[in-house]
C-alpha atoms as a PDB file:
ATOM      1  CA  MET A   1     128.171  94.442 114.267  1.00  0.00           C
ATOM      2  CA  ARG A   2     125.208  96.210 116.418  1.00  0.00           C
ATOM      3  CA  PRO A   3     121.857  95.339 116.025  1.00  0.00           C
ATOM      4  CA  ARG A   4     119.585  97.930 113.986  1.00  0.00           C
ATOM      5  CA  ILE A   5     115.835  99.035 114.003  1.00  0.00           C
ATOM      6  CA  TYR A   6     114.194 100.385 110.721  1.00  0.00           C
ATOM      7  CA  LEU A   7     111.579 102.922 111.081  1.00  0.00           C
ATOM      8  CA  PHE A   8     109.777 102.444 107.891  1.00  0.00           C
ATOM      9  CA  GLY A   9     106.992 105.003 106.754  1.00  0.00           C
ATOM     10  CA  ASP A  10     106.092 108.658 105.564  1.00  0.00           C
ATOM     11  CA  SER A  11     106.598 111.962 106.340  1.00  0.00           C
ATOM     12  CA  ILE A  12     105.641 111.283 109.914  1.00  0.00           C
ATOM     13  CA  THR A  13     108.714 109.007 110.283  1.00  0.00           C
ATOM     14  CA  GLU A  14     111.102 111.070 107.729  1.00  0.00           C
ATOM     15  CA  GLU A  15     110.765 113.866 110.256  1.00  0.00           C
ATOM     16  CA  SER A  16     111.418 111.878 113.003  1.00  0.00           C
ATOM     17  CA  PHE A  17     114.869 112.637 113.197  1.00  0.00           C
ATOM     18  CA  THR A  18     114.377 116.187 113.724  1.00  0.00           C
ATOM     19  CA  ASP A  19     115.833 117.650 117.060  1.00  0.00           C
ATOM     20  CA  GLY A  20     113.439 116.080 119.637  1.00  0.00           C
ATOM     21  CA  GLY A  21     111.671 113.726 117.175  1.00  0.00           C
ATOM     22  CA  TRP A  22     110.960 110.324 117.924  1.00  0.00           C
ATOM     23  CA  GLY A  23     113.709 108.792 115.562  1.00  0.00           C
ATOM     24  CA  SER A  24     116.244 110.380 116.992  1.00  0.00           C
ATOM     25  CA  SER A  25     114.623 109.815 120.608  1.00  0.00           C
ATOM     26  CA  LEU A  26     114.742 106.320 119.925  1.00  0.00           C
ATOM     27  CA  ALA A  27     118.750 106.607 118.750  1.00  0.00           C
ATOM     28  CA  ASN A  28     119.346 108.341 121.792  1.00  0.00           C
ATOM     29  CA  HIS A  29     117.643 105.803 123.847  1.00  0.00           C
ATOM     30  CA  PHE A  30     119.457 102.898 122.843  1.00  0.00           C
ATOM     31  CA  CYS A  31     123.018 104.882 121.571  1.00  0.00           C
ATOM     32  CA  ARG A  32     125.233 102.240 122.951  1.00  0.00           C
ATOM     33  CA  THR A  33     122.679  99.210 122.245  1.00  0.00           C
ATOM     34  CA  MET A  34     120.968  99.495 118.987  1.00  0.00           C
ATOM     35  CA  ASP A  35     121.849 101.652 115.543  1.00  0.00           C
ATOM     36  CA  VAL A  36     118.403 103.330 114.611  1.00  0.00           C
ATOM     37  CA  MET A  37     118.241 103.670 110.558  1.00  0.00           C
ATOM     38  CA  LEU A  38     116.066 105.828 109.033  1.00  0.00           C
ATOM     39  CA  ARG A  39     113.705 104.969 106.414  1.00  0.00           C
ATOM     40  CA  GLY A  40     111.044 107.406 106.035  1.00  0.00           C
ATOM     41  CA  TYR A  41     109.348 109.221 102.546  1.00  0.00           C
ATOM     42  CA  SER A  42     107.241 111.720 102.277  1.00  0.00           C
ATOM     43  CA  GLY A  43     103.802 111.957 100.839  1.00  0.00           C
ATOM     44  CA  TYR A  44     104.201 107.944 100.210  1.00  0.00           C
ATOM     45  CA  ASN A  45     100.910 105.232 101.189  1.00  0.00           C
ATOM     46  CA  THR A  46     100.863 102.001 101.454  1.00  0.00           C
ATOM     47  CA  ARG A  47     100.774 101.388  97.318  1.00  0.00           C
ATOM     48  CA  TRP A  48     104.210 103.346  97.122  1.00  0.00           C
ATOM     49  CA  ALA A  49     105.719 101.830  99.602  1.00  0.00           C
ATOM     50  CA  LEU A  50     104.401  98.154  98.420  1.00  0.00           C
ATOM     51  CA  LYS A  51     106.370  99.049  95.212  1.00  0.00           C
ATOM     52  CA  VAL A  52     109.822  99.807  96.279  1.00  0.00           C
ATOM     53  CA  VAL A  53     110.178  97.822  99.335  1.00  0.00           C
ATOM     54  CA  GLU A  54     112.415  95.780  97.260  1.00  0.00           C
ATOM     55  CA  LYS A  55     114.573  98.731  96.540  1.00  0.00           C
ATOM     56  CA  VAL A  56     113.948  99.822 100.325  1.00  0.00           C
ATOM     57  CA  PHE A  57     115.276  96.457 102.057  1.00  0.00           C
ATOM     58  CA  PRO A  58     117.646  95.056  99.346  1.00  0.00           C
ATOM     59  CA  PRO A  59     117.646  91.195 100.311  1.00  0.00           C
ATOM     60  CA  SER A  60     121.795  91.236  99.509  1.00  0.00           C
ATOM     61  CA  GLU A  61     121.961  94.093 102.826  1.00  0.00           C
ATOM     62  CA  SER A  62     125.286  93.212 104.407  1.00  0.00           C
ATOM     63  CA  GLY A  63     124.803  93.126 108.448  1.00  0.00           C
ATOM     64  CA  GLY A  64     121.937  90.345 108.854  1.00  0.00           C
ATOM     65  CA  ALA A  65     119.032  90.917 109.925  1.00  0.00           C
ATOM     66  CA  PRO A  66     117.332  93.693 111.592  1.00  0.00           C
ATOM     67  CA  MET A  67     116.097  93.144 115.197  1.00  0.00           C
ATOM     68  CA  ALA A  68     112.812  95.259 114.818  1.00  0.00           C
ATOM     69  CA  VAL A  69     110.992  97.466 111.726  1.00  0.00           C
ATOM     70  CA  THR A  70     108.734 100.296 112.629  1.00  0.00           C
ATOM     71  CA  VAL A  71     105.604 100.321 110.012  1.00  0.00           C
ATOM     72  CA  PHE A  72     104.350 103.515 109.827  1.00  0.00           C
ATOM     73  CA  PHE A  73     101.965 104.225 107.127  1.00  0.00           C
ATOM     74  CA  GLY A  74      97.786 105.003 106.474  1.00  0.00           C
ATOM     75  CA  ALA A  75      97.933 109.150 106.838  1.00  0.00           C
ATOM     76  CA  ASN A  76      98.139 109.738 103.548  1.00  0.00           C
ATOM     77  CA  ASP A  77      96.591 106.290 102.189  1.00  0.00           C
ATOM     78  CA  ALA A  78      93.523 108.025 104.243  1.00  0.00           C
ATOM     79  CA  SER A  79      93.246 111.034 102.224  1.00  0.00           C
ATOM     80  CA  LEU A  80      90.054 111.663 100.336  1.00  0.00           C
ATOM     81  CA  PRO A  81      89.211 110.479  97.042  1.00  0.00           C
ATOM     82  CA  ASP A  82      87.541 112.868  96.059  1.00  0.00           C
ATOM     83  CA  ARG A  83      89.501 116.492  97.831  1.00  0.00           C
ATOM     84  CA  CYS A  84      92.944 118.162  97.233  1.00  0.00           C
ATOM     85  CA  SER A  85      95.021 114.820  97.581  1.00  0.00           C
ATOM     86  CA  ALA A  86      92.971 112.308  96.164  1.00  0.00           C
ATOM     87  CA  PHE A  87      96.321 111.405  94.365  1.00  0.00           C
ATOM     88  CA  GLN A  88      97.242 109.842  97.709  1.00  0.00           C
ATOM     89  CA  HIS A  89      94.151 107.671  98.643  1.00  0.00           C
ATOM     90  CA  VAL A  90      94.388 104.211  98.590  1.00  0.00           C
ATOM     91  CA  PRO A  91      90.706 102.104  99.694  1.00  0.00           C
ATOM     92  CA  VAL A  92      90.758 100.796 103.110  1.00  0.00           C
ATOM     93  CA  ASP A  93      90.560  97.307 101.764  1.00  0.00           C
ATOM     94  CA  GLU A  94      93.612  97.582  99.673  1.00  0.00           C
ATOM     95  CA  TYR A  95      95.622  99.757 102.364  1.00  0.00           C
ATOM     96  CA  LYS A  96      94.848  96.582 104.105  1.00  0.00           C
ATOM     97  CA  LYS A  97      96.289  93.926 101.760  1.00  0.00           C
ATOM     98  CA  ASN A  98      99.599  96.405 101.719  1.00  0.00           C
ATOM     99  CA  LEU A  99     100.692  95.874 104.523  1.00  0.00           C
ATOM    100  CA  HIS A 100      99.913  92.554 104.653  1.00  0.00           C
ATOM    101  CA  ALA A 101     102.476  92.116 101.921  1.00  0.00           C
ATOM    102  CA  ILE A 102     105.052  94.662 103.452  1.00  0.00           C
ATOM    103  CA  ILE A 103     104.836  92.443 106.382  1.00  0.00           C
ATOM    104  CA  ALA A 104     105.051  89.125 104.524  1.00  0.00           C
ATOM    105  CA  PHE A 105     107.646  91.002 102.520  1.00  0.00           C
ATOM    106  CA  LEU A 106     109.840  91.338 105.413  1.00  0.00           C
ATOM    107  CA  LYS A 107     109.178  88.009 107.435  1.00  0.00           C
ATOM    108  CA  LYS A 108     110.314  86.568 104.213  1.00  0.00           C
ATOM    109  CA  GLY A 109     113.519  88.203 103.871  1.00  0.00           C
ATOM    110  CA  TRP A 110     114.306  87.884 107.909  1.00  0.00           C
ATOM    111  CA  PRO A 111     111.613  85.725 109.248  1.00  0.00           C
ATOM    112  CA  SER A 112     112.801  86.276 112.617  1.00  0.00           C
ATOM    113  CA  VAL A 113     112.904  90.349 112.585  1.00  0.00           C
ATOM    114  CA  HIS A 114     110.055  92.144 115.566  1.00  0.00           C
ATOM    115  CA  ILE A 115     107.267  93.837 113.128  1.00  0.00           C
ATOM    116  CA  LEU A 116     105.584  96.840 114.596  1.00  0.00           C
ATOM    117  CA  LEU A 117     102.710  98.596 112.595  1.00  0.00           C
ATOM    118  CA  ILE A 118     101.768 102.192 113.923  1.00  0.00           C
ATOM    119  CA  THR A 119      98.331 103.345 113.482  1.00  0.00           C
ATOM    120  CA  PRO A 120      97.840 107.125 111.482  1.00  0.00           C
ATOM    121  CA  PRO A 121      97.625 109.495 113.885  1.00  0.00           C
ATOM    122  CA  PRO A 122      94.257 111.605 114.437  1.00  0.00           C
ATOM    123  CA  ILE A 123      93.545 114.389 112.396  1.00  0.00           C
ATOM    124  CA  ASP A 124      92.396 118.250 112.915  1.00  0.00           C
ATOM    125  CA  GLU A 125      90.691 119.403 110.411  1.00  0.00           C
ATOM    126  CA  ASP A 126      91.278 123.042 111.248  1.00  0.00           C
ATOM    127  CA  GLY A 127      94.532 122.444 111.264  1.00  0.00           C
ATOM    128  CA  ARG A 128      94.503 120.768 107.872  1.00  0.00           C
ATOM    129  CA  LEU A 129      92.287 123.857 106.543  1.00  0.00           C
ATOM    130  CA  GLN A 130      95.271 125.988 107.818  1.00  0.00           C
ATOM    131  CA  ASN A 131      98.048 124.574 106.442  1.00  0.00           C
ATOM    132  CA  PRO A 132      96.827 123.193 103.435  1.00  0.00           C
ATOM    133  CA  PHE A 133     100.051 121.405 101.079  1.00  0.00           C
ATOM    134  CA  VAL A 134      98.195 122.126  97.559  1.00  0.00           C
ATOM    135  CA  GLU A 135      96.054 124.156  96.248  1.00  0.00           C
ATOM    136  CA  ASN A 136      92.639 124.282  97.813  1.00  0.00           C
ATOM    137  CA  GLU A 137      89.603 125.364  95.830  1.00  0.00           C
ATOM    138  CA  SER A 138      87.163 122.843  97.936  1.00  0.00           C
ATOM    139  CA  GLY A 139      87.883 125.033 100.482  1.00  0.00           C
ATOM    140  CA  LEU A 140      87.408 121.663 102.798  1.00  0.00           C
ATOM    141  CA  PRO A 141      89.660 119.316 104.806  1.00  0.00           C
ATOM    142  CA  GLU A 142      91.699 117.163 102.520  1.00  0.00           C
ATOM    143  CA  ARG A 143      91.791 114.660 105.342  1.00  0.00           C
ATOM    144  CA  THR A 144      89.185 114.089 108.083  1.00  0.00           C
ATOM    145  CA  ASN A 145      89.192 112.376 111.603  1.00  0.00           C
ATOM    146  CA  GLU A 146      86.705 110.111 110.936  1.00  0.00           C
ATOM    147  CA  ALA A 147      88.486 108.825 107.328  1.00  0.00           C
ATOM    148  CA  ALA A 148      91.785 108.578 109.588  1.00  0.00           C
ATOM    149  CA  GLY A 149      90.013 106.540 112.114  1.00  0.00           C
ATOM    150  CA  ARG A 150      88.941 103.846 109.436  1.00  0.00           C
ATOM    151  CA  TYR A 151      92.594 103.559 108.930  1.00  0.00           C
ATOM    152  CA  ALA A 152      93.786 103.026 111.982  1.00  0.00           C
ATOM    153  CA  LYS A 153      91.215 100.343 112.760  1.00  0.00           C
ATOM    154  CA  ALA A 154      92.798  99.058 110.268  1.00  0.00           C
ATOM    155  CA  CYS A 155      95.883  98.821 110.639  1.00  0.00           C
ATOM    156  CA  LEU A 156      94.262  97.180 113.934  1.00  0.00           C
ATOM    157  CA  GLU A 157      93.028  94.384 112.026  1.00  0.00           C
ATOM    158  CA  VAL A 158      96.073  93.525 110.191  1.00  0.00           C
ATOM    159  CA  ALA A 159      98.186  93.882 113.497  1.00  0.00           C
ATOM    160  CA  ALA A 160      95.869  91.203 114.962  1.00  0.00           C
ATOM    161  CA  GLU A 161      95.378  88.981 111.454  1.00  0.00           C
ATOM    162  CA  CYS A 162      99.118  88.882 111.923  1.00  0.00           C
ATOM    163  CA  GLY A 163     100.257  88.218 115.578  1.00  0.00           C
ATOM    164  CA  ILE A 164     102.299  91.525 116.259  1.00  0.00           C
ATOM    165  CA  PRO A 165     101.636  94.275 118.140  1.00  0.00           C
ATOM    166  CA  ALA A 166     100.071  97.357 117.426  1.00  0.00           C
ATOM    167  CA  VAL A 167     100.335 101.370 118.125  1.00  0.00           C
ATOM    168  CA  ASP A 168      97.376 102.339 118.557  1.00  0.00           C
ATOM    169  CA  LEU A 169      98.218 106.040 118.216  1.00  0.00           C
ATOM    170  CA  TRP A 170      94.709 107.569 116.465  1.00  0.00           C
ATOM    171  CA  THR A 171      92.942 106.606 120.079  1.00  0.00           C
ATOM    172  CA  LYS A 172      96.398 106.978 121.997  1.00  0.00           C
ATOM    173  CA  MET A 173      96.660 110.659 121.343  1.00  0.00           C
ATOM    174  CA  GLN A 174      92.416 111.782 121.459  1.00  0.00           C
ATOM    175  CA  GLN A 175      92.923 110.790 125.489  1.00  0.00           C
ATOM    176  CA  ILE A 176      93.620 114.551 126.286  1.00  0.00           C
ATOM    177  CA  PRO A 177      91.503 117.361 126.237  1.00  0.00           C
ATOM    178  CA  GLY A 178      93.432 119.350 123.616  1.00  0.00           C
ATOM    179  CA  TRP A 179      95.585 116.835 121.676  1.00  0.00           C
ATOM    180  CA  GLN A 180      94.562 118.694 117.835  1.00  0.00           C
ATOM    181  CA  LYS A 181      97.295 121.475 118.808  1.00  0.00           C
ATOM    182  CA  ALA A 182      98.858 119.203 121.709  1.00  0.00           C
ATOM    183  CA  TYR A 183     100.130 117.283 119.473  1.00  0.00           C
ATOM    184  CA  LEU A 184      99.358 118.169 115.809  1.00  0.00           C
ATOM    185  CA  ARG A 185     101.175 121.230 114.491  1.00  0.00           C
ATOM    186  CA  ASP A 186      99.368 121.352 111.415  1.00  0.00           C
ATOM    187  CA  GLY A 187      96.489 119.019 111.730  1.00  0.00           C
ATOM    188  CA  LEU A 188      98.922 116.016 110.883  1.00  0.00           C
ATOM    189  CA  HIS A 189     102.499 116.212 111.571  1.00  0.00           C
ATOM    190  CA  LEU A 190     103.563 115.943 115.115  1.00  0.00           C
ATOM    191  CA  THR A 191     104.730 118.502 117.629  1.00  0.00           C
ATOM    192  CA  GLN A 192     107.033 118.054 120.438  1.00  0.00           C
ATOM    193  CA  GLY A 193     104.779 116.450 122.769  1.00  0.00           C
ATOM    194  CA  GLY A 194     102.851 114.710 119.709  1.00  0.00           C
ATOM    195  CA  GLN A 195     106.872 113.527 118.583  1.00  0.00           C
ATOM    196  CA  SER A 196     107.436 112.290 123.325  1.00  0.00           C
ATOM    197  CA  VAL A 197     103.668 110.207 122.535  1.00  0.00           C
ATOM    198  CA  VAL A 198     105.000 108.069 119.701  1.00  0.00           C
ATOM    199  CA  PHE A 199     108.531 107.831 121.328  1.00  0.00           C
ATOM    200  CA  GLU A 200     107.274 106.310 124.677  1.00  0.00           C
ATOM    201  CA  GLU A 201     105.156 104.061 122.702  1.00  0.00           C
ATOM    202  CA  ILE A 202     107.137 102.003 120.887  1.00  0.00           C
ATOM    203  CA  ILE A 203     109.630 102.079 124.074  1.00  0.00           C
ATOM    204  CA  GLY A 204     106.660 100.307 125.388  1.00  0.00           C
ATOM    205  CA  ARG A 205     105.918  98.072 122.629  1.00  0.00           C
ATOM    206  CA  LEU A 206     109.121  97.298 122.022  1.00  0.00           C
ATOM    207  CA  ARG A 207     109.631  96.624 125.585  1.00  0.00           C
ATOM    208  CA  GLY A 208     106.749  93.872 125.053  1.00  0.00           C
ATOM    209  CA  VAL A 209     108.923  91.632 122.533  1.00  0.00           C
ATOM    210  CA  GLY A 210     112.019  91.549 125.108  1.00  0.00           C
ATOM    211  CA  LEU A 211     114.092  94.576 123.342  1.00  0.00           C
ATOM    212  CA  SER A 212     114.959  97.074 125.837  1.00  0.00           C
ATOM    213  CA  LEU A 213     117.942  98.471 127.674  1.00  0.00           C
ATOM    214  CA  GLU A 214     118.204  95.316 129.800  1.00  0.00           C
ATOM    215  CA  THR A 215     117.785  92.931 127.662  1.00  0.00           C
ATOM    216  CA  LEU A 216     120.563  94.648 124.739  1.00  0.00           C
ATOM    217  CA  PRO A 217     124.298  94.061 125.083  1.00  0.00           C
ATOM    218  CA  VAL A 218     126.184  97.312 125.418  1.00  0.00           C
ATOM    219  CA  ASP A 219     128.372  98.256 122.587  1.00  0.00           C
ATOM    220  CA  LEU A 220     131.435  98.023 124.336  1.00  0.00           C
ATOM    221  CA  PRO A 221     132.645  98.094 127.647  1.00  0.00           C
ATOM    222  CA  LEU A 222     131.199 101.411 129.900  1.00  0.00           C
ATOM    223  CA  ILE A 223     133.708 103.982 131.320  1.00  0.00           C
ATOM    224  CA  ALA A 224     132.636 102.485 134.426  1.00  0.00           C
ATOM    225  CA  GLU A 225     134.019  99.055 133.561  1.00  0.00           C
ATOM    226  CA  ILE A 226     137.213 100.234 132.976  1.00  0.00           C
ATOM    227  CA  ASP A 227     140.065  99.363 135.482  1.00  0.00           C
ATOM    228  CA  PRO A 228     141.811 103.467 135.494  1.00  0.00           C
ATOM    229  CA  LYS A 229     144.675 101.387 136.868  1.00  0.00           C
ATOM    230  CA  ASP A 230     144.820  98.798 133.718  1.00  0.00           C
ATOM    231  CA  PRO A 231     143.056 100.061 131.355  1.00  0.00           C
ATOM    232  CA  MET A 232     143.765  98.566 128.606  1.00  0.00           C
ATOM    233  CA  LYS A 233     142.577  95.175 130.254  1.00  0.00           C
ATOM    234  CA  SER A 234     139.097  95.371 129.238  1.00  0.00           C
ATOM    235  CA  PHE A 235     139.692  95.551 125.997  1.00  0.00           C
ATOM    236  CA  GLU A 236     141.835  91.863 125.551  1.00  0.00           C
ATOM    237  CA  ASP A 237     138.965  89.591 125.077  1.00  0.00           C
END
């Protein structure tokens, strides 16, 4: 069976298979070498993710261990506890414990799997005010960039403690002027430019653990490898 990579996360993962999304870009990039499996759950935080992880990744799943899993949570955990999305809030200490528990679960089932953590993105607070998901009587953004930064830092700490790679999306996206509108369409979710940043960062981290087009075998003979004078010979082995 062709190797697989699972994408596990919230709405930023769920939406990654849109046209030009980072998930669909990964599927296109690895189209003959690795299957990209979407497991995105809009609105979820790490508390809910930990509750359902056994259903998302059942131990009896056929096909053997995947090559890699991206774990991309934190944007909802970082919702402020006194504003309109408070029901999604998870304290930062619990967020870290939940990430550790998710990693431990994946490693227990698949000891050889490569796990890649992705921090929450930065927040454009003006964009959040312009695009509320629920009624916002306070007139204040339900997320702030400062709070998202605390969760991004916690995510990186977990990666360091577990000895696994991470994408620091919160820092990366803020390195260009105008990132708020260049990378975020509603203050939180990604524009086409933001999708490209995530894709490029993931490709780089996967290459760092030995997963690239140069190292992964191609699934079945390429057309350039098939002898026009004896096509069937390529399928004999």
